[in-house]
Amino acid sequence: MNDKIRMIFSNLGSSYANQLGFRDSWVFLGAKDLKSKSPFEQFLKNNPETNKYEGWPELLELEGCVPRK
């Protein structure tokens, strides 16, 4: 992910786009013109010492109701 893509995700409300690295687990739902950070985001840093799935971090799940506006 290059800096331009990271900026796009940040503008959509991501709190973690600038921290993402190789094989990190990340789930994100954002929206154009969001005035604050998205409440629909989870992030788990890749750590070879604690990874659960043969070099990959644990899976993330995200649930919730997404407003139309």
N, C-alpha and C. Protein backbone atom coordinates (compact mmCIF):
# COMPACT_ATOMS: atom_id res chain seq x y z
N MET A 1 0.86 -1.16 0.00
CA MET A 1 0.00 0.00 0.00
C MET A 1 0.91 1.23 0.00
N ASN A 2 0.71 2.09 -0.96
CA ASN A 2 1.56 3.29 -1.02
C ASN A 2 0.93 4.43 -0.21
N ASP A 3 1.66 5.53 -0.12
CA ASP A 3 1.22 6.67 0.70
C ASP A 3 -0.09 7.27 0.22
N LYS A 4 -0.32 7.28 -1.10
CA LYS A 4 -1.55 7.84 -1.65
C LYS A 4 -2.76 7.01 -1.19
N ILE A 5 -2.65 5.71 -1.24
CA ILE A 5 -3.74 4.83 -0.81
C ILE A 5 -3.96 4.96 0.70
N ARG A 6 -2.90 5.05 1.46
CA ARG A 6 -3.03 5.25 2.91
C ARG A 6 -3.78 6.54 3.22
N MET A 7 -3.49 7.61 2.46
CA MET A 7 -4.17 8.88 2.66
C MET A 7 -5.66 8.77 2.31
N ILE A 8 -5.98 8.03 1.27
CA ILE A 8 -7.38 7.84 0.89
C ILE A 8 -8.13 7.14 2.01
N PHE A 9 -7.55 6.05 2.55
CA PHE A 9 -8.20 5.34 3.66
C PHE A 9 -8.32 6.23 4.90
N SER A 10 -7.31 7.03 5.17
CA SER A 10 -7.37 7.95 6.31
C SER A 10 -8.49 8.97 6.12
N ASN A 11 -8.65 9.47 4.90
CA ASN A 11 -9.71 10.44 4.60
C ASN A 11 -11.10 9.80 4.71
N LEU A 12 -11.17 8.48 4.58
CA LEU A 12 -12.43 7.76 4.74
C LEU A 12 -12.72 7.43 6.20
N GLY A 13 -11.79 7.79 7.11
CA GLY A 13 -12.03 7.62 8.53
C GLY A 13 -11.17 6.59 9.23
N SER A 14 -10.17 6.02 8.54
CA SER A 14 -9.33 5.01 9.15
C SER A 14 -8.36 5.60 10.17
N SER A 15 -8.25 4.92 11.31
CA SER A 15 -7.28 5.30 12.33
C SER A 15 -5.96 4.55 12.17
N TYR A 16 -5.98 3.47 11.38
CA TYR A 16 -4.82 2.58 11.32
C TYR A 16 -4.13 2.51 9.95
N ALA A 17 -4.65 3.17 8.95
CA ALA A 17 -4.10 3.05 7.59
C ALA A 17 -2.61 3.36 7.53
N ASN A 18 -2.14 4.31 8.33
CA ASN A 18 -0.73 4.68 8.30
C ASN A 18 0.17 3.70 9.06
N GLN A 19 -0.43 2.78 9.82
CA GLN A 19 0.35 1.83 10.61
C GLN A 19 0.42 0.44 9.97
N LEU A 20 -0.34 0.20 8.91
CA LEU A 20 -0.44 -1.13 8.34
C LEU A 20 0.88 -1.61 7.78
N GLY A 21 1.17 -2.88 8.05
CA GLY A 21 2.39 -3.49 7.54
C GLY A 21 2.10 -4.84 6.92
N PHE A 22 3.13 -5.51 6.49
CA PHE A 22 3.02 -6.81 5.84
C PHE A 22 2.31 -7.82 6.73
N ARG A 23 1.26 -8.43 6.21
CA ARG A 23 0.49 -9.47 6.87
C ARG A 23 -0.24 -9.03 8.14
N ASP A 24 -0.42 -7.75 8.34
CA ASP A 24 -1.25 -7.29 9.45
C ASP A 24 -2.71 -7.63 9.13
N SER A 25 -3.50 -7.90 10.16
CA SER A 25 -4.94 -8.11 9.98
C SER A 25 -5.63 -6.77 10.19
N TRP A 26 -6.51 -6.43 9.24
CA TRP A 26 -7.19 -5.13 9.29
C TRP A 26 -8.55 -5.27 8.62
N VAL A 27 -9.56 -4.79 9.27
CA VAL A 27 -10.89 -4.71 8.68
C VAL A 27 -11.39 -3.28 8.90
N PHE A 28 -11.97 -2.71 7.84
CA PHE A 28 -12.32 -1.29 7.89
C PHE A 28 -13.53 -1.02 7.01
N LEU A 29 -14.43 -0.22 7.53
CA LEU A 29 -15.55 0.29 6.77
C LEU A 29 -15.60 1.78 7.02
N GLY A 30 -15.49 2.56 5.96
CA GLY A 30 -15.49 4.01 6.09
C GLY A 30 -16.47 4.63 5.12
N ALA A 31 -16.48 5.94 5.08
CA ALA A 31 -17.39 6.66 4.20
C ALA A 31 -16.79 7.99 3.79
N LYS A 32 -17.13 8.43 2.61
CA LYS A 32 -16.67 9.71 2.11
C LYS A 32 -17.24 10.82 2.98
N ASP A 33 -16.42 11.83 3.25
CA ASP A 33 -16.80 13.00 4.05
C ASP A 33 -17.18 12.66 5.49
N LEU A 34 -16.63 11.59 6.04
CA LEU A 34 -16.85 11.24 7.43
C LEU A 34 -16.16 12.30 8.30
N LYS A 35 -16.88 12.88 9.23
CA LYS A 35 -16.32 13.98 10.01
C LYS A 35 -15.47 13.53 11.19
N SER A 36 -15.50 12.23 11.51
CA SER A 36 -14.67 11.70 12.59
C SER A 36 -14.14 10.34 12.16
N LYS A 37 -13.42 9.69 13.04
CA LYS A 37 -12.87 8.37 12.72
C LYS A 37 -13.98 7.34 12.69
N SER A 38 -13.83 6.34 11.85
CA SER A 38 -14.84 5.30 11.72
C SER A 38 -14.88 4.41 12.96
N PRO A 39 -16.08 4.10 13.46
CA PRO A 39 -16.19 3.16 14.56
C PRO A 39 -16.11 1.71 14.07
N PHE A 40 -16.05 1.53 12.76
CA PHE A 40 -16.04 0.20 12.16
C PHE A 40 -14.64 -0.14 11.66
N GLU A 41 -13.73 -0.37 12.59
CA GLU A 41 -12.36 -0.68 12.21
C GLU A 41 -11.69 -1.49 13.32
N GLN A 42 -10.94 -2.51 12.91
CA GLN A 42 -10.12 -3.28 13.84
C GLN A 42 -8.77 -3.55 13.18
N PHE A 43 -7.75 -3.66 14.02
CA PHE A 43 -6.39 -3.83 13.53
C PHE A 43 -5.62 -4.75 14.47
N LEU A 44 -4.86 -5.67 13.90
CA LEU A 44 -4.01 -6.56 14.69
C LEU A 44 -2.66 -6.66 14.00
N LYS A 45 -1.62 -6.23 14.69
CA LYS A 45 -0.27 -6.20 14.14
C LYS A 45 0.28 -7.60 13.95
N ASN A 46 0.93 -7.83 12.83
CA ASN A 46 1.61 -9.09 12.57
C ASN A 46 2.80 -9.23 13.53
N ASN A 47 2.83 -10.31 14.28
CA ASN A 47 3.92 -10.57 15.22
C ASN A 47 4.27 -12.05 15.16
N PRO A 48 5.42 -12.41 14.55
CA PRO A 48 5.79 -13.82 14.39
C PRO A 48 5.79 -14.61 15.70
N GLU A 49 5.99 -13.95 16.82
CA GLU A 49 6.02 -14.66 18.11
C GLU A 49 4.63 -15.02 18.62
N THR A 50 3.61 -14.27 18.19
CA THR A 50 2.26 -14.52 18.70
C THR A 50 1.25 -14.89 17.60
N ASN A 51 1.68 -14.94 16.34
CA ASN A 51 0.77 -15.28 15.25
C ASN A 51 0.14 -16.64 15.48
N LYS A 52 -1.11 -16.75 15.07
CA LYS A 52 -1.88 -17.95 15.34
C LYS A 52 -1.89 -18.94 14.17
N TYR A 53 -1.79 -18.46 12.94
CA TYR A 53 -1.97 -19.29 11.75
C TYR A 53 -0.74 -19.31 10.86
N GLU A 54 0.26 -20.08 11.18
CA GLU A 54 1.44 -20.30 10.34
C GLU A 54 1.96 -19.01 9.69
N GLY A 55 2.33 -18.06 10.49
CA GLY A 55 2.88 -16.80 9.98
C GLY A 55 1.86 -15.69 9.80
N TRP A 56 0.60 -15.99 10.07
CA TRP A 56 -0.45 -14.98 9.92
C TRP A 56 -1.07 -14.69 11.27
N PRO A 57 -1.42 -13.43 11.55
CA PRO A 57 -2.10 -13.11 12.81
C PRO A 57 -3.52 -13.67 12.83
N GLU A 58 -4.11 -13.61 13.98
CA GLU A 58 -5.48 -14.09 14.16
C GLU A 58 -6.45 -13.31 13.28
N LEU A 59 -7.55 -13.96 12.91
CA LEU A 59 -8.58 -13.32 12.11
C LEU A 59 -9.33 -12.28 12.93
N LEU A 60 -9.84 -11.27 12.26
CA LEU A 60 -10.65 -10.25 12.91
C LEU A 60 -12.09 -10.36 12.44
N GLU A 61 -13.01 -10.11 13.33
CA GLU A 61 -14.42 -10.07 12.98
C GLU A 61 -14.99 -8.73 13.42
N LEU A 62 -15.89 -8.21 12.60
CA LEU A 62 -16.49 -6.92 12.89
C LEU A 62 -17.99 -7.02 12.63
N GLU A 63 -18.77 -6.65 13.62
CA GLU A 63 -20.22 -6.68 13.48
C GLU A 63 -20.78 -5.32 13.83
N GLY A 64 -21.94 -5.03 13.31
CA GLY A 64 -22.60 -3.79 13.65
C GLY A 64 -23.57 -3.36 12.56
N CYS A 65 -24.32 -2.37 12.85
CA CYS A 65 -25.27 -1.80 11.90
C CYS A 65 -24.62 -0.59 11.25
N VAL A 66 -24.65 -0.57 9.94
CA VAL A 66 -24.04 0.54 9.21
C VAL A 66 -25.13 1.54 8.85
N PRO A 67 -24.99 2.79 9.31
CA PRO A 67 -26.01 3.80 8.97
C PRO A 67 -25.96 4.14 7.49
N ARG A 68 -27.10 4.50 6.94
CA ARG A 68 -27.16 4.87 5.52
C ARG A 68 -26.51 6.22 5.26
N LYS A 69 -26.52 7.08 6.28
CA LYS A 69 -25.91 8.41 6.12
C LYS A 69 -24.94 8.66 7.23
